Amino acid sequence: MSSTSTSAVSGEREKLRAERKLRVIDDKEQGESIEQVSAGVYGFTGSPGTEGSPMFARQIFQSFEVHKLGKDDVHLIGYMTADEARQFESSADMLELKLYPEPHEDATRFVSVPNARVLKTKPVSREHGNFLPILLAPR
């Protein structure tokens, strides 16, 4: 487990939600896919990167936060290692990276990954921090 405190993790997330003027999905949106929920919301899912993955208002252990900024503007929220975060932010190459739902070992850099850059995902690992393997298009 990372030494990153729970309050620091919450603070990063809350700050980004406020900057983006997002609200948590409401009761009638619970269980709907990210494609079906309103724009301007955030929620949590255990199966990110898959079409039709259900969204929920309550975060459970190692679930991924998802932001829907606009109709086709969706972001996966999570953590990468410092090296992978640098590559994500600046690389002009296609990248295979790991996105963690919570800080895990060296993966402590908070990131927001736009779905527009995601070329492909593999199933979540379900172990070793529950990371999502993602293939990203060049920046």
N, C-alpha and C. Protein backbone atom coordinates (compact mmCIF):
# COMPACT_ATOMS: atom_id res chain seq x y z
N MET A 1 0.84 -1.19 0.00
CA MET A 1 0.00 0.00 0.00
C MET A 1 0.88 1.25 0.00
N SER A 2 0.43 2.25 -0.64
CA SER A 2 1.16 3.51 -0.75
C SER A 2 1.14 4.27 0.57
N SER A 3 2.08 5.17 0.71
CA SER A 3 2.09 6.04 1.88
C SER A 3 1.24 7.29 1.65
N THR A 4 0.64 7.41 0.48
CA THR A 4 -0.21 8.56 0.19
C THR A 4 -1.44 8.51 1.09
N SER A 5 -1.72 9.59 1.79
CA SER A 5 -2.84 9.59 2.73
C SER A 5 -4.18 9.64 2.03
N THR A 6 -5.17 9.09 2.71
CA THR A 6 -6.54 9.08 2.19
C THR A 6 -7.04 10.50 1.98
N SER A 7 -6.70 11.42 2.89
CA SER A 7 -7.17 12.80 2.73
C SER A 7 -6.52 13.49 1.53
N ALA A 8 -5.27 13.17 1.23
CA ALA A 8 -4.62 13.74 0.04
C ALA A 8 -5.29 13.23 -1.22
N VAL A 9 -5.61 11.94 -1.24
CA VAL A 9 -6.30 11.34 -2.39
C VAL A 9 -7.66 12.01 -2.57
N SER A 10 -8.41 12.15 -1.50
CA SER A 10 -9.72 12.80 -1.56
C SER A 10 -9.59 14.25 -2.02
N GLY A 11 -8.58 14.95 -1.55
CA GLY A 11 -8.38 16.34 -1.92
C GLY A 11 -8.11 16.51 -3.40
N GLU A 12 -7.28 15.65 -3.97
CA GLU A 12 -6.99 15.71 -5.41
C GLU A 12 -8.27 15.51 -6.22
N ARG A 13 -9.03 14.52 -5.84
CA ARG A 13 -10.26 14.20 -6.56
C ARG A 13 -11.28 15.32 -6.42
N GLU A 14 -11.47 15.80 -5.21
CA GLU A 14 -12.45 16.86 -4.98
C GLU A 14 -12.08 18.14 -5.73
N LYS A 15 -10.80 18.46 -5.76
CA LYS A 15 -10.34 19.66 -6.48
C LYS A 15 -10.65 19.54 -7.97
N LEU A 16 -10.35 18.38 -8.57
CA LEU A 16 -10.61 18.18 -9.99
C LEU A 16 -12.11 18.21 -10.28
N ARG A 17 -12.91 17.59 -9.43
CA ARG A 17 -14.37 17.63 -9.62
C ARG A 17 -14.88 19.07 -9.58
N ALA A 18 -14.38 19.86 -8.64
CA ALA A 18 -14.82 21.25 -8.52
C ALA A 18 -14.38 22.07 -9.73
N GLU A 19 -13.13 21.87 -10.19
CA GLU A 19 -12.65 22.59 -11.38
C GLU A 19 -13.51 22.27 -12.60
N ARG A 20 -13.96 21.05 -12.67
CA ARG A 20 -14.78 20.60 -13.81
C ARG A 20 -16.28 20.81 -13.59
N LYS A 21 -16.62 21.31 -12.41
CA LYS A 21 -18.03 21.57 -12.05
C LYS A 21 -18.90 20.32 -12.23
N LEU A 22 -18.42 19.22 -11.65
CA LEU A 22 -19.12 17.94 -11.77
C LEU A 22 -19.95 17.66 -10.53
N ARG A 23 -21.02 16.94 -10.73
CA ARG A 23 -21.84 16.43 -9.62
C ARG A 23 -21.81 14.91 -9.69
N VAL A 24 -22.00 14.28 -8.55
CA VAL A 24 -22.06 12.83 -8.54
C VAL A 24 -23.35 12.39 -9.25
N ILE A 25 -23.33 11.23 -9.91
CA ILE A 25 -24.54 10.77 -10.59
C ILE A 25 -25.67 10.65 -9.57
N ASP A 26 -26.89 10.88 -10.01
CA ASP A 26 -28.01 10.81 -9.07
C ASP A 26 -28.61 9.42 -9.03
N ASP A 27 -29.59 9.24 -8.14
CA ASP A 27 -30.19 7.93 -7.90
C ASP A 27 -30.75 7.30 -9.17
N LYS A 28 -31.40 8.09 -10.00
CA LYS A 28 -32.01 7.50 -11.20
C LYS A 28 -30.98 7.09 -12.25
N GLU A 29 -29.73 7.58 -12.12
CA GLU A 29 -28.67 7.21 -13.06
C GLU A 29 -27.86 6.00 -12.57
N GLN A 30 -28.07 5.60 -11.32
CA GLN A 30 -27.32 4.47 -10.75
C GLN A 30 -27.47 3.23 -11.62
N GLY A 31 -26.37 2.59 -11.96
CA GLY A 31 -26.39 1.38 -12.76
C GLY A 31 -26.42 1.61 -14.25
N GLU A 32 -26.61 2.86 -14.67
CA GLU A 32 -26.59 3.19 -16.10
C GLU A 32 -25.14 3.22 -16.58
N SER A 33 -24.96 3.04 -17.88
CA SER A 33 -23.61 3.09 -18.44
C SER A 33 -23.17 4.54 -18.59
N ILE A 34 -21.87 4.74 -18.72
CA ILE A 34 -21.33 6.09 -18.90
C ILE A 34 -21.92 6.74 -20.14
N GLU A 35 -22.25 5.94 -21.14
CA GLU A 35 -22.84 6.46 -22.37
C GLU A 35 -24.23 7.04 -22.11
N GLN A 36 -24.92 6.54 -21.10
CA GLN A 36 -26.30 6.94 -20.84
C GLN A 36 -26.47 8.04 -19.79
N VAL A 37 -25.48 8.22 -18.91
CA VAL A 37 -25.63 9.22 -17.87
C VAL A 37 -25.45 10.62 -18.44
N SER A 38 -25.93 11.61 -17.70
CA SER A 38 -25.84 13.01 -18.12
C SER A 38 -24.40 13.49 -18.19
N ALA A 39 -24.17 14.51 -18.98
CA ALA A 39 -22.87 15.18 -18.99
C ALA A 39 -22.75 16.00 -17.72
N GLY A 40 -21.54 16.26 -17.29
CA GLY A 40 -21.31 17.06 -16.09
C GLY A 40 -21.39 16.25 -14.81
N VAL A 41 -21.13 14.93 -14.92
CA VAL A 41 -21.22 14.07 -13.74
C VAL A 41 -19.96 13.24 -13.56
N TYR A 42 -19.85 12.67 -12.37
CA TYR A 42 -18.82 11.66 -12.12
C TYR A 42 -19.48 10.52 -11.37
N GLY A 43 -18.84 9.35 -11.48
CA GLY A 43 -19.31 8.17 -10.78
C GLY A 43 -18.18 7.16 -10.74
N PHE A 44 -18.52 5.96 -10.32
CA PHE A 44 -17.51 4.93 -10.12
C PHE A 44 -17.93 3.64 -10.80
N THR A 45 -16.94 2.90 -11.30
CA THR A 45 -17.21 1.63 -11.96
C THR A 45 -16.10 0.63 -11.65
N GLY A 46 -16.45 -0.62 -11.66
CA GLY A 46 -15.47 -1.68 -11.48
C GLY A 46 -14.94 -2.20 -12.80
N SER A 47 -15.55 -1.76 -13.89
CA SER A 47 -15.14 -2.26 -15.21
C SER A 47 -14.93 -1.10 -16.18
N PRO A 48 -13.89 -0.30 -15.95
CA PRO A 48 -13.63 0.85 -16.83
C PRO A 48 -13.16 0.40 -18.21
N GLY A 49 -13.39 1.25 -19.18
CA GLY A 49 -12.90 0.98 -20.51
C GLY A 49 -13.72 -0.03 -21.29
N THR A 50 -14.84 -0.46 -20.71
CA THR A 50 -15.69 -1.39 -21.43
C THR A 50 -17.03 -0.72 -21.72
N GLU A 51 -17.53 -0.93 -22.91
CA GLU A 51 -18.80 -0.34 -23.30
C GLU A 51 -19.91 -0.87 -22.40
N GLY A 52 -20.74 0.05 -21.93
CA GLY A 52 -21.88 -0.33 -21.10
C GLY A 52 -21.55 -0.60 -19.66
N SER A 53 -20.33 -0.27 -19.21
CA SER A 53 -19.99 -0.53 -17.81
C SER A 53 -20.85 0.33 -16.90
N PRO A 54 -21.46 -0.26 -15.87
CA PRO A 54 -22.38 0.48 -15.00
C PRO A 54 -21.65 1.48 -14.10
N MET A 55 -22.31 2.61 -13.87
CA MET A 55 -21.78 3.67 -13.03
C MET A 55 -22.56 3.73 -11.72
N PHE A 56 -21.87 4.05 -10.65
CA PHE A 56 -22.49 4.14 -9.33
C PHE A 56 -22.00 5.38 -8.60
N ALA A 57 -22.81 5.88 -7.68
CA ALA A 57 -22.47 7.09 -6.94
C ALA A 57 -21.47 6.82 -5.83
N ARG A 58 -21.46 5.62 -5.31
CA ARG A 58 -20.60 5.28 -4.18
C ARG A 58 -19.34 4.57 -4.66
N GLN A 59 -18.22 5.02 -4.17
CA GLN A 59 -16.95 4.37 -4.51
C GLN A 59 -16.74 3.17 -3.60
N ILE A 60 -16.46 2.03 -4.22
CA ILE A 60 -16.11 0.86 -3.45
C ILE A 60 -14.62 0.60 -3.62
N PHE A 61 -14.07 -0.29 -2.84
CA PHE A 61 -12.64 -0.60 -2.85
C PHE A 61 -12.15 -0.87 -4.26
N GLN A 62 -11.16 -0.16 -4.69
CA GLN A 62 -10.46 -0.30 -5.96
C GLN A 62 -11.39 -0.15 -7.19
N SER A 63 -12.43 0.67 -7.06
CA SER A 63 -13.24 0.99 -8.24
C SER A 63 -12.66 2.26 -8.87
N PHE A 64 -12.91 2.43 -10.15
CA PHE A 64 -12.37 3.56 -10.89
C PHE A 64 -13.37 4.71 -10.93
N GLU A 65 -12.86 5.92 -10.77
CA GLU A 65 -13.68 7.12 -10.93
C GLU A 65 -13.68 7.50 -12.40
N VAL A 66 -14.86 7.89 -12.89
CA VAL A 66 -15.03 8.27 -14.28
C VAL A 66 -15.73 9.62 -14.32
N HIS A 67 -15.22 10.54 -15.14
CA HIS A 67 -15.82 11.86 -15.32
C HIS A 67 -16.42 11.95 -16.72
N LYS A 68 -17.66 12.42 -16.79
CA LYS A 68 -18.27 12.67 -18.09
C LYS A 68 -18.46 14.18 -18.21
N LEU A 69 -17.57 14.80 -18.97
CA LEU A 69 -17.58 16.26 -19.11
C LEU A 69 -18.57 16.71 -20.18
N GLY A 70 -18.70 15.95 -21.24
CA GLY A 70 -19.60 16.26 -22.35
C GLY A 70 -20.04 14.95 -22.97
N LYS A 71 -20.87 15.06 -23.99
CA LYS A 71 -21.43 13.85 -24.61
C LYS A 71 -20.37 12.80 -24.92
N ASP A 72 -19.27 13.20 -25.55
CA ASP A 72 -18.21 12.26 -25.91
C ASP A 72 -16.89 12.58 -25.21
N ASP A 73 -16.95 13.31 -24.13
CA ASP A 73 -15.74 13.71 -23.40
C ASP A 73 -15.74 13.03 -22.04
N VAL A 74 -15.11 11.85 -22.00
CA VAL A 74 -15.08 11.03 -20.79
C VAL A 74 -13.62 10.85 -20.37
N HIS A 75 -13.38 10.89 -19.06
CA HIS A 75 -12.03 10.72 -18.53
C HIS A 75 -12.02 9.65 -17.46
N LEU A 76 -10.97 8.82 -17.48
CA LEU A 76 -10.72 7.85 -16.42
C LEU A 76 -9.76 8.50 -15.44
N ILE A 77 -10.10 8.45 -14.17
CA ILE A 77 -9.30 9.10 -13.13
C ILE A 77 -8.54 8.03 -12.37
N GLY A 78 -7.26 8.28 -12.12
CA GLY A 78 -6.49 7.28 -11.38
C GLY A 78 -5.07 7.71 -11.13
N TYR A 79 -4.20 6.73 -11.01
CA TYR A 79 -2.81 6.96 -10.61
C TYR A 79 -1.87 6.15 -11.47
N MET A 80 -0.71 6.74 -11.76
CA MET A 80 0.37 6.10 -12.51
C MET A 80 1.66 6.32 -11.75
N THR A 81 2.68 5.57 -12.13
CA THR A 81 4.01 5.85 -11.59
C THR A 81 4.46 7.20 -12.15
N ALA A 82 5.44 7.80 -11.53
CA ALA A 82 5.95 9.09 -12.02
C ALA A 82 6.46 8.98 -13.44
N ASP A 83 7.17 7.89 -13.74
CA ASP A 83 7.71 7.70 -15.08
C ASP A 83 6.58 7.55 -16.11
N GLU A 84 5.60 6.72 -15.81
CA GLU A 84 4.49 6.54 -16.76
C GLU A 84 3.67 7.83 -16.90
N ALA A 85 3.49 8.58 -15.82
CA ALA A 85 2.75 9.84 -15.89
C ALA A 85 3.48 10.84 -16.80
N ARG A 86 4.81 10.89 -16.70
CA ARG A 86 5.61 11.77 -17.58
C ARG A 86 5.42 11.37 -19.05
N GLN A 87 5.47 10.07 -19.31
CA GLN A 87 5.26 9.58 -20.68
C GLN A 87 3.86 9.95 -21.16
N PHE A 88 2.87 9.73 -20.32
CA PHE A 88 1.48 10.03 -20.65
C PHE A 88 1.31 11.51 -21.00
N GLU A 89 1.95 12.37 -20.24
CA GLU A 89 1.80 13.82 -20.42
C GLU A 89 2.59 14.36 -21.61
N SER A 90 3.65 13.67 -22.04
CA SER A 90 4.51 14.30 -23.05
C SER A 90 4.88 13.45 -24.26
N SER A 91 4.61 12.19 -24.25
CA SER A 91 5.09 11.32 -25.33
C SER A 91 4.35 11.54 -26.64
N ALA A 92 5.10 11.50 -27.71
CA ALA A 92 4.53 11.58 -29.05
C ALA A 92 4.39 10.18 -29.65
N ASP A 93 4.56 9.17 -28.81
CA ASP A 93 4.47 7.78 -29.24
C ASP A 93 3.24 7.10 -28.66
N MET A 94 2.84 5.99 -29.25
CA MET A 94 1.80 5.16 -28.68
C MET A 94 2.38 4.56 -27.39
N LEU A 95 1.56 4.43 -26.36
CA LEU A 95 2.05 3.96 -25.07
C LEU A 95 1.18 2.86 -24.49
N GLU A 96 1.81 1.90 -23.83
CA GLU A 96 1.10 0.92 -23.02
C GLU A 96 1.42 1.24 -21.58
N LEU A 97 0.40 1.63 -20.81
CA LEU A 97 0.59 2.06 -19.43
C LEU A 97 -0.39 1.36 -18.51
N LYS A 98 -0.16 1.52 -17.21
CA LYS A 98 -1.05 0.96 -16.20
C LYS A 98 -1.71 2.12 -15.45
N LEU A 99 -3.02 2.07 -15.34
CA LEU A 99 -3.78 3.06 -14.58
C LEU A 99 -4.36 2.36 -13.36
N TYR A 100 -4.06 2.88 -12.18
CA TYR A 100 -4.55 2.31 -10.92
C TYR A 100 -5.70 3.17 -10.40
N PRO A 101 -6.71 2.55 -9.77
CA PRO A 101 -7.83 3.32 -9.26
C PRO A 101 -7.49 4.11 -8.00
N GLU A 102 -6.47 3.66 -7.29
CA GLU A 102 -6.03 4.28 -6.04
C GLU A 102 -4.50 4.24 -6.03
N PRO A 103 -3.85 5.05 -5.22
CA PRO A 103 -2.39 4.95 -5.14
C PRO A 103 -1.98 3.52 -4.77
N HIS A 104 -0.95 3.02 -5.44
CA HIS A 104 -0.47 1.66 -5.18
C HIS A 104 1.04 1.63 -5.41
N GLU A 105 1.78 1.25 -4.38
CA GLU A 105 3.24 1.21 -4.43
C GLU A 105 3.78 2.51 -5.04
N ASP A 106 4.48 2.45 -6.19
CA ASP A 106 5.06 3.66 -6.80
C ASP A 106 4.07 4.45 -7.65
N ALA A 107 2.89 3.93 -7.84
CA ALA A 107 1.88 4.62 -8.67
C ALA A 107 1.12 5.61 -7.79
N THR A 108 1.70 6.81 -7.67
CA THR A 108 1.11 7.82 -6.79
C THR A 108 0.81 9.14 -7.50
N ARG A 109 1.07 9.22 -8.80
CA ARG A 109 0.80 10.44 -9.57
C ARG A 109 -0.64 10.43 -10.05
N PHE A 110 -1.40 11.42 -9.64
CA PHE A 110 -2.81 11.57 -9.98
C PHE A 110 -2.93 12.01 -11.43
N VAL A 111 -3.75 11.31 -12.23
CA VAL A 111 -3.92 11.63 -13.65
C VAL A 111 -5.39 11.53 -14.06
N SER A 112 -5.69 12.22 -15.14
CA SER A 112 -7.00 12.15 -15.78
C SER A 112 -6.76 11.76 -17.24
N VAL A 113 -7.20 10.58 -17.60
CA VAL A 113 -6.94 10.03 -18.93
C VAL A 113 -8.17 10.20 -19.82
N PRO A 114 -8.08 11.04 -20.85
CA PRO A 114 -9.24 11.21 -21.73
C PRO A 114 -9.47 9.95 -22.58
N ASN A 115 -10.72 9.52 -22.62
CA ASN A 115 -11.07 8.35 -23.42
C ASN A 115 -10.69 8.54 -24.88
N ALA A 116 -10.63 9.78 -25.33
CA ALA A 116 -10.27 10.06 -26.72
C ALA A 116 -8.87 9.54 -27.05
N ARG A 117 -8.01 9.40 -26.04
CA ARG A 117 -6.65 8.88 -26.27
C ARG A 117 -6.56 7.37 -26.10
N VAL A 118 -7.58 6.77 -25.53
CA VAL A 118 -7.53 5.33 -25.25
C VAL A 118 -7.84 4.55 -26.53
N LEU A 119 -6.86 3.80 -27.00
CA LEU A 119 -7.05 2.98 -28.19
C LEU A 119 -7.61 1.61 -27.83
N LYS A 120 -7.16 1.10 -26.68
CA LYS A 120 -7.55 -0.24 -26.29
C LYS A 120 -7.30 -0.42 -24.80
N THR A 121 -8.15 -1.17 -24.15
CA THR A 121 -7.92 -1.57 -22.76
C THR A 121 -7.95 -3.08 -22.69
N LYS A 122 -7.33 -3.59 -21.67
CA LYS A 122 -7.42 -5.02 -21.35
C LYS A 122 -8.21 -5.11 -20.05
N PRO A 123 -8.67 -6.29 -19.69
CA PRO A 123 -9.40 -6.40 -18.43
C PRO A 123 -8.56 -5.95 -17.24
N VAL A 124 -9.23 -5.41 -16.23
CA VAL A 124 -8.56 -4.98 -15.00
C VAL A 124 -7.87 -6.19 -14.38
N SER A 125 -6.70 -5.97 -13.80
CA SER A 125 -5.87 -7.05 -13.29
C SER A 125 -6.50 -7.83 -12.15
N ARG A 126 -7.28 -7.17 -11.30
CA ARG A 126 -7.91 -7.75 -10.11
C ARG A 126 -6.90 -8.15 -9.03
N GLU A 127 -5.64 -7.90 -9.27
CA GLU A 127 -4.61 -8.09 -8.25
C GLU A 127 -3.52 -7.05 -8.49
N HIS A 128 -2.56 -6.99 -7.62
CA HIS A 128 -1.46 -6.02 -7.75
C HIS A 128 -1.97 -4.60 -7.94
N GLY A 129 -2.94 -4.20 -7.14
CA GLY A 129 -3.46 -2.84 -7.18
C GLY A 129 -4.63 -2.64 -8.12
N ASN A 130 -5.10 -3.72 -8.76
CA ASN A 130 -6.30 -3.65 -9.62
C ASN A 130 -6.12 -2.70 -10.80
N PHE A 131 -4.93 -2.70 -11.40
CA PHE A 131 -4.64 -1.75 -12.48
C PHE A 131 -5.37 -2.10 -13.77
N LEU A 132 -5.58 -1.06 -14.58
CA LEU A 132 -6.17 -1.18 -15.90
C LEU A 132 -5.06 -1.02 -16.94
N PRO A 133 -4.73 -2.07 -17.71
CA PRO A 133 -3.75 -1.90 -18.79
C PRO A 133 -4.39 -1.13 -19.93
N ILE A 134 -3.76 -0.04 -20.36
CA ILE A 134 -4.32 0.76 -21.44
C ILE A 134 -3.28 1.04 -22.52
N LEU A 135 -3.75 1.09 -23.75
CA LEU A 135 -2.94 1.47 -24.89
C LEU A 135 -3.42 2.86 -25.30
N LEU A 136 -2.51 3.83 -25.26
CA LEU A 136 -2.88 5.22 -25.54
C LEU A 136 -2.31 5.72 -26.86
N ALA A 137 -3.10 6.51 -27.53
CA ALA A 137 -2.65 7.18 -28.76
C ALA A 137 -1.64 8.26 -28.39
N PRO A 138 -0.78 8.63 -29.33
CA PRO A 138 0.19 9.71 -29.06
C PRO A 138 -0.53 11.00 -28.65
N ARG A 139 0.15 11.81 -27.89
CA ARG A 139 -0.40 13.08 -27.42
C ARG A 139 -0.50 14.04 -28.57
